[in-house]
């Protein structure tokens, strides 16, 4: 996922991420967390503490 994290950021902090290839993943929006297709574009990404999976949200 995100490459080369800085020392003050961790996988559990929101980080900018560029998606180039569509994929299925967890998307966080105002209605909650759901599994859906993540289309190419700019997202913020972080690792879920409870699910241990990557979560995406639109920038």
PDB file of N, CA and C in Angstrom:
ATOM      1  N   UNK A   1       0.836  -1.179   0.000  1.00  0.00           N
ATOM      2  CA  UNK A   1       0.000   0.000   0.000  1.00  0.00           C
ATOM      3  C   UNK A   1       0.884   1.246   0.000  1.00  0.00           C
ATOM      4  N   UNK A   2       0.703   2.176   0.934  1.00  0.00           N
ATOM      5  CA  UNK A   2       1.535   3.378   0.893  1.00  0.00           C
ATOM      6  C   UNK A   2       3.001   2.999   1.063  1.00  0.00           C
ATOM      7  N   UNK A   3       3.852   3.650   0.317  1.00  0.00           N
ATOM      8  CA  UNK A   3       5.270   3.311   0.383  1.00  0.00           C
ATOM      9  C   UNK A   3       6.031   4.369   1.150  1.00  0.00           C
ATOM     10  N   UNK A   4       7.102   3.940   1.783  1.00  0.00           N
ATOM     11  CA  UNK A   4       8.027   4.813   2.482  1.00  0.00           C
ATOM     12  C   UNK A   4       7.341   5.737   3.498  1.00  0.00           C
ATOM     13  N   UNK A   5       6.728   5.170   4.573  1.00  0.00           N
ATOM     14  CA  UNK A   5       6.111   6.029   5.574  1.00  0.00           C
ATOM     15  C   UNK A   5       7.170   6.816   6.341  1.00  0.00           C
ATOM     16  N   UNK A   6       6.856   8.037   6.690  1.00  0.00           N
ATOM     17  CA  UNK A   6       7.777   8.845   7.477  1.00  0.00           C
ATOM     18  C   UNK A   6       7.738   8.370   8.926  1.00  0.00           C
ATOM     19  N   UNK A   7       8.754   8.673   9.714  1.00  0.00           N
ATOM     20  CA  UNK A   7       8.809   8.176  11.092  1.00  0.00           C
ATOM     21  C   UNK A   7       7.619   8.611  11.945  1.00  0.00           C
ATOM     22  N   UNK A   8       7.054   9.790  11.701  1.00  0.00           N
ATOM     23  CA  UNK A   8       5.953  10.249  12.546  1.00  0.00           C
ATOM     24  C   UNK A   8       4.584   9.729  12.099  1.00  0.00           C
ATOM     25  N   UNK A   9       4.494   9.042  10.958  1.00  0.00           N
ATOM     26  CA  UNK A   9       3.230   8.459  10.527  1.00  0.00           C
ATOM     27  C   UNK A   9       3.289   6.946  10.647  1.00  0.00           C
ATOM     28  N   UNK A  10       2.127   6.353  10.834  1.00  0.00           N
ATOM     29  CA  UNK A  10       2.036   4.898  10.908  1.00  0.00           C
ATOM     30  C   UNK A  10       1.000   4.429   9.907  1.00  0.00           C
ATOM     31  N   UNK A  11       0.812   3.127   9.814  1.00  0.00           N
ATOM     32  CA  UNK A  11      -0.204   2.567   8.926  1.00  0.00           C
ATOM     33  C   UNK A  11      -1.605   2.952   9.361  1.00  0.00           C
ATOM     34  N   UNK A  12      -1.772   3.355  10.623  1.00  0.00           N
ATOM     35  CA  UNK A  12      -3.097   3.669  11.157  1.00  0.00           C
ATOM     36  C   UNK A  12      -3.469   5.139  11.013  1.00  0.00           C
ATOM     37  N   UNK A  13      -2.617   5.944  10.395  1.00  0.00           N
ATOM     38  CA  UNK A  13      -2.920   7.350  10.095  1.00  0.00           C
ATOM     39  C   UNK A  13      -3.325   7.456   8.626  1.00  0.00           C
ATOM     40  N   UNK A  14      -4.231   8.401   8.320  1.00  0.00           N
ATOM     41  CA  UNK A  14      -4.648   8.609   6.933  1.00  0.00           C
ATOM     42  C   UNK A  14      -3.472   9.146   6.137  1.00  0.00           C
ATOM     43  N   UNK A  15      -3.194   8.511   4.989  1.00  0.00           N
ATOM     44  CA  UNK A  15      -2.098   8.901   4.112  1.00  0.00           C
ATOM     45  C   UNK A  15      -2.614   9.016   2.682  1.00  0.00           C
ATOM     46  N   UNK A  16      -2.123   9.966   1.891  1.00  0.00           N
ATOM     47  CA  UNK A  16      -2.557  10.056   0.494  1.00  0.00           C
ATOM     48  C   UNK A  16      -2.090   8.834  -0.299  1.00  0.00           C
ATOM     49  N   UNK A  17      -2.914   8.415  -1.263  1.00  0.00           N
ATOM     50  CA  UNK A  17      -2.601   7.229  -2.055  1.00  0.00           C
ATOM     51  C   UNK A  17      -3.240   7.376  -3.426  1.00  0.00           C
ATOM     52  N   UNK A  18      -2.520   7.024  -4.463  1.00  0.00           N
ATOM     53  CA  UNK A  18      -2.993   7.097  -5.841  1.00  0.00           C
ATOM     54  C   UNK A  18      -3.328   5.686  -6.313  1.00  0.00           C
ATOM     55  N   UNK A  19      -4.588   5.435  -6.667  1.00  0.00           N
ATOM     56  CA  UNK A  19      -5.014   4.137  -7.196  1.00  0.00           C
ATOM     57  C   UNK A  19      -4.942   4.208  -8.713  1.00  0.00           C
ATOM     58  N   UNK A  20      -4.229   3.276  -9.339  1.00  0.00           N
ATOM     59  CA  UNK A  20      -4.080   3.250 -10.789  1.00  0.00           C
ATOM     60  C   UNK A  20      -4.917   2.165 -11.451  1.00  0.00           C
ATOM     61  N   UNK A  21      -5.165   1.074 -10.747  1.00  0.00           N
ATOM     62  CA  UNK A  21      -5.910  -0.057 -11.285  1.00  0.00           C
ATOM     63  C   UNK A  21      -7.134  -0.289 -10.398  1.00  0.00           C
ATOM     64  N   UNK A  22      -8.334  -0.436 -10.975  1.00  0.00           N
ATOM     65  CA  UNK A  22      -9.519  -0.706 -10.142  1.00  0.00           C
ATOM     66  C   UNK A  22      -9.340  -1.964  -9.298  1.00  0.00           C
ATOM     67  N   UNK A  23      -9.898  -1.934  -8.102  1.00  0.00           N
ATOM     68  CA  UNK A  23      -9.797  -3.079  -7.197  1.00  0.00           C
ATOM     69  C   UNK A  23     -11.008  -3.087  -6.270  1.00  0.00           C
ATOM     70  N   UNK A  24     -11.208  -4.167  -5.579  1.00  0.00           N
ATOM     71  CA  UNK A  24     -12.271  -4.276  -4.587  1.00  0.00           C
ATOM     72  C   UNK A  24     -11.643  -4.021  -3.230  1.00  0.00           C
ATOM     73  N   UNK A  25     -12.283  -3.172  -2.422  1.00  0.00           N
ATOM     74  CA  UNK A  25     -11.751  -2.858  -1.113  1.00  0.00           C
ATOM     75  C   UNK A  25     -12.795  -2.221  -0.222  1.00  0.00           C
ATOM     76  N   UNK A  26     -12.379  -1.865   0.978  1.00  0.00           N
ATOM     77  CA  UNK A  26     -13.259  -1.231   1.947  1.00  0.00           C
ATOM     78  C   UNK A  26     -13.224   0.275   1.757  1.00  0.00           C
ATOM     79  N   UNK A  27     -14.396   0.881   1.579  1.00  0.00           N
ATOM     80  CA  UNK A  27     -14.490   2.324   1.388  1.00  0.00           C
ATOM     81  C   UNK A  27     -15.280   2.913   2.544  1.00  0.00           C
ATOM     82  N   UNK A  28     -14.735   3.955   3.152  1.00  0.00           N
ATOM     83  CA  UNK A  28     -15.388   4.656   4.252  1.00  0.00           C
ATOM     84  C   UNK A  28     -16.037   5.914   3.703  1.00  0.00           C
ATOM     85  N   UNK A  29     -17.346   6.059   3.938  1.00  0.00           N
ATOM     86  CA  UNK A  29     -18.056   7.274   3.541  1.00  0.00           C
ATOM     87  C   UNK A  29     -18.986   7.684   4.677  1.00  0.00           C
ATOM     88  N   UNK A  30     -19.856   8.632   4.415  1.00  0.00           N
ATOM     89  CA  UNK A  30     -20.722   9.140   5.484  1.00  0.00           C
ATOM     90  C   UNK A  30     -21.731   8.109   5.975  1.00  0.00           C
ATOM     91  N   UNK A  31     -21.947   7.032   5.218  1.00  0.00           N
ATOM     92  CA  UNK A  31     -22.904   6.003   5.606  1.00  0.00           C
ATOM     93  C   UNK A  31     -22.238   4.809   6.285  1.00  0.00           C
ATOM     94  N   UNK A  32     -20.932   4.827   6.401  1.00  0.00           N
ATOM     95  CA  UNK A  32     -20.223   3.745   7.065  1.00  0.00           C
ATOM     96  C   UNK A  32     -19.198   3.084   6.169  1.00  0.00           C
ATOM     97  N   UNK A  33     -18.752   1.931   6.605  1.00  0.00           N
ATOM     98  CA  UNK A  33     -17.723   1.174   5.893  1.00  0.00           C
ATOM     99  C   UNK A  33     -18.403   0.107   5.044  1.00  0.00           C
ATOM    100  N   UNK A  34     -18.051   0.030   3.760  1.00  0.00           N
ATOM    101  CA  UNK A  34     -18.638  -0.976   2.876  1.00  0.00           C
ATOM    102  C   UNK A  34     -17.609  -1.452   1.869  1.00  0.00           C
ATOM    103  N   UNK A  35     -17.827  -2.660   1.367  1.00  0.00           N
ATOM    104  CA  UNK A  35     -16.966  -3.227   0.341  1.00  0.00           C
ATOM    105  C   UNK A  35     -17.508  -2.821  -1.024  1.00  0.00           C
ATOM    106  N   UNK A  36     -16.653  -2.240  -1.848  1.00  0.00           N
ATOM    107  CA  UNK A  36     -17.066  -1.852  -3.194  1.00  0.00           C
ATOM    108  C   UNK A  36     -15.848  -1.700  -4.090  1.00  0.00           C
ATOM    109  N   UNK A  37     -16.091  -1.432  -5.362  1.00  0.00           N
ATOM    110  CA  UNK A  37     -14.996  -1.256  -6.317  1.00  0.00           C
ATOM    111  C   UNK A  37     -14.362   0.111  -6.085  1.00  0.00           C
ATOM    112  N   UNK A  38     -13.047   0.126  -6.023  1.00  0.00           N
ATOM    113  CA  UNK A  38     -12.290   1.363  -5.867  1.00  0.00           C
ATOM    114  C   UNK A  38     -11.758   1.732  -7.244  1.00  0.00           C
ATOM    115  N   UNK A  39     -12.269   2.815  -7.806  1.00  0.00           N
ATOM    116  CA  UNK A  39     -11.894   3.257  -9.142  1.00  0.00           C
ATOM    117  C   UNK A  39     -10.603   4.062  -9.085  1.00  0.00           C
ATOM    118  N   UNK A  40      -9.867   4.149 -10.193  1.00  0.00           N
ATOM    119  CA  UNK A  40      -8.629   4.938 -10.219  1.00  0.00           C
ATOM    120  C   UNK A  40      -8.878   6.381  -9.800  1.00  0.00           C
ATOM    121  N   UNK A  41      -7.935   6.928  -9.048  1.00  0.00           N
ATOM    122  CA  UNK A  41      -8.032   8.294  -8.571  1.00  0.00           C
ATOM    123  C   UNK A  41      -7.247   8.472  -7.289  1.00  0.00           C
ATOM    124  N   UNK A  42      -7.459   9.607  -6.638  1.00  0.00           N
ATOM    125  CA  UNK A  42      -6.762   9.924  -5.392  1.00  0.00           C
ATOM    126  C   UNK A  42      -7.640   9.573  -4.198  1.00  0.00           C
ATOM    127  N   UNK A  43      -7.041   8.891  -3.240  1.00  0.00           N
ATOM    128  CA  UNK A  43      -7.739   8.470  -2.037  1.00  0.00           C
ATOM    129  C   UNK A  43      -6.851   8.736  -0.831  1.00  0.00           C
ATOM    130  N   UNK A  44      -7.445   8.689   0.339  1.00  0.00           N
ATOM    131  CA  UNK A  44      -6.705   8.608   1.589  1.00  0.00           C
ATOM    132  C   UNK A  44      -6.845   7.161   2.043  1.00  0.00           C
ATOM    133  N   UNK A  45      -5.794   6.588   2.591  1.00  0.00           N
ATOM    134  CA  UNK A  45      -5.802   5.179   2.971  1.00  0.00           C
ATOM    135  C   UNK A  45      -5.191   5.022   4.354  1.00  0.00           C
ATOM    136  N   UNK A  46      -5.727   4.075   5.100  1.00  0.00           N
ATOM    137  CA  UNK A  46      -5.149   3.698   6.391  1.00  0.00           C
ATOM    138  C   UNK A  46      -5.533   2.275   6.700  1.00  0.00           C
ATOM    139  N   UNK A  47      -4.834   1.661   7.634  1.00  0.00           N
ATOM    140  CA  UNK A  47      -5.114   0.284   8.017  1.00  0.00           C
ATOM    141  C   UNK A  47      -6.126   0.288   9.165  1.00  0.00           C
ATOM    142  N   UNK A  48      -7.134  -0.570   9.077  1.00  0.00           N
ATOM    143  CA  UNK A  48      -8.147  -0.678  10.126  1.00  0.00           C
ATOM    144  C   UNK A  48      -7.552  -1.404  11.327  1.00  0.00           C
ATOM    145  N   UNK A  49      -7.777  -0.860  12.504  1.00  0.00           N
ATOM    146  CA  UNK A  49      -7.246  -1.495  13.712  1.00  0.00           C
ATOM    147  C   UNK A  49      -7.996  -2.780  14.045  1.00  0.00           C
ATOM    148  N   UNK A  50      -9.296  -2.817  13.812  1.00  0.00           N
ATOM    149  CA  UNK A  50     -10.077  -3.997  14.190  1.00  0.00           C
ATOM    150  C   UNK A  50     -10.113  -5.051  13.088  1.00  0.00           C
ATOM    151  N   UNK A  51     -10.198  -4.632  11.826  1.00  0.00           N
ATOM    152  CA  UNK A  51     -10.289  -5.589  10.722  1.00  0.00           C
ATOM    153  C   UNK A  51      -8.943  -5.978  10.139  1.00  0.00           C
ATOM    154  N   UNK A  52      -7.905  -5.195  10.422  1.00  0.00           N
ATOM    155  CA  UNK A  52      -6.559  -5.433   9.899  1.00  0.00           C
ATOM    156  C   UNK A  52      -6.518  -5.414   8.374  1.00  0.00           C
ATOM    157  N   UNK A  53      -7.386  -4.583   7.741  1.00  0.00           N
ATOM    158  CA  UNK A  53      -7.417  -4.435   6.288  1.00  0.00           C
ATOM    159  C   UNK A  53      -7.250  -2.954   5.955  1.00  0.00           C
ATOM    160  N   UNK A  54      -6.917  -2.664   4.703  1.00  0.00           N
ATOM    161  CA  UNK A  54      -6.766  -1.290   4.259  1.00  0.00           C
ATOM    162  C   UNK A  54      -8.134  -0.687   3.983  1.00  0.00           C
ATOM    163  N   UNK A  55      -8.356   0.550   4.461  1.00  0.00           N
ATOM    164  CA  UNK A  55      -9.600   1.281   4.242  1.00  0.00           C
ATOM    165  C   UNK A  55      -9.290   2.516   3.391  1.00  0.00           C
ATOM    166  N   UNK A  56     -10.170   2.821   2.463  1.00  0.00           N
ATOM    167  CA  UNK A  56      -9.998   3.957   1.560  1.00  0.00           C
ATOM    168  C   UNK A  56     -11.092   4.975   1.813  1.00  0.00           C
ATOM    169  N   UNK A  57     -10.786   6.249   1.565  1.00  0.00           N
ATOM    170  CA  UNK A  57     -11.806   7.280   1.552  1.00  0.00           C
ATOM    171  C   UNK A  57     -11.393   8.318   0.526  1.00  0.00           C
ATOM    172  N   UNK A  58     -12.402   8.952  -0.095  1.00  0.00           N
ATOM    173  CA  UNK A  58     -12.119   9.945  -1.125  1.00  0.00           C
ATOM    174  C   UNK A  58     -11.455  11.161  -0.525  1.00  0.00           C
ATOM    175  N   UNK A  59     -10.586  11.801  -1.304  1.00  0.00           N
ATOM    176  CA  UNK A  59      -9.927  13.022  -0.863  1.00  0.00           C
ATOM    177  C   UNK A  59     -10.832  14.186  -0.993  1.00  0.00           C
TER     178      UNK A  59
END
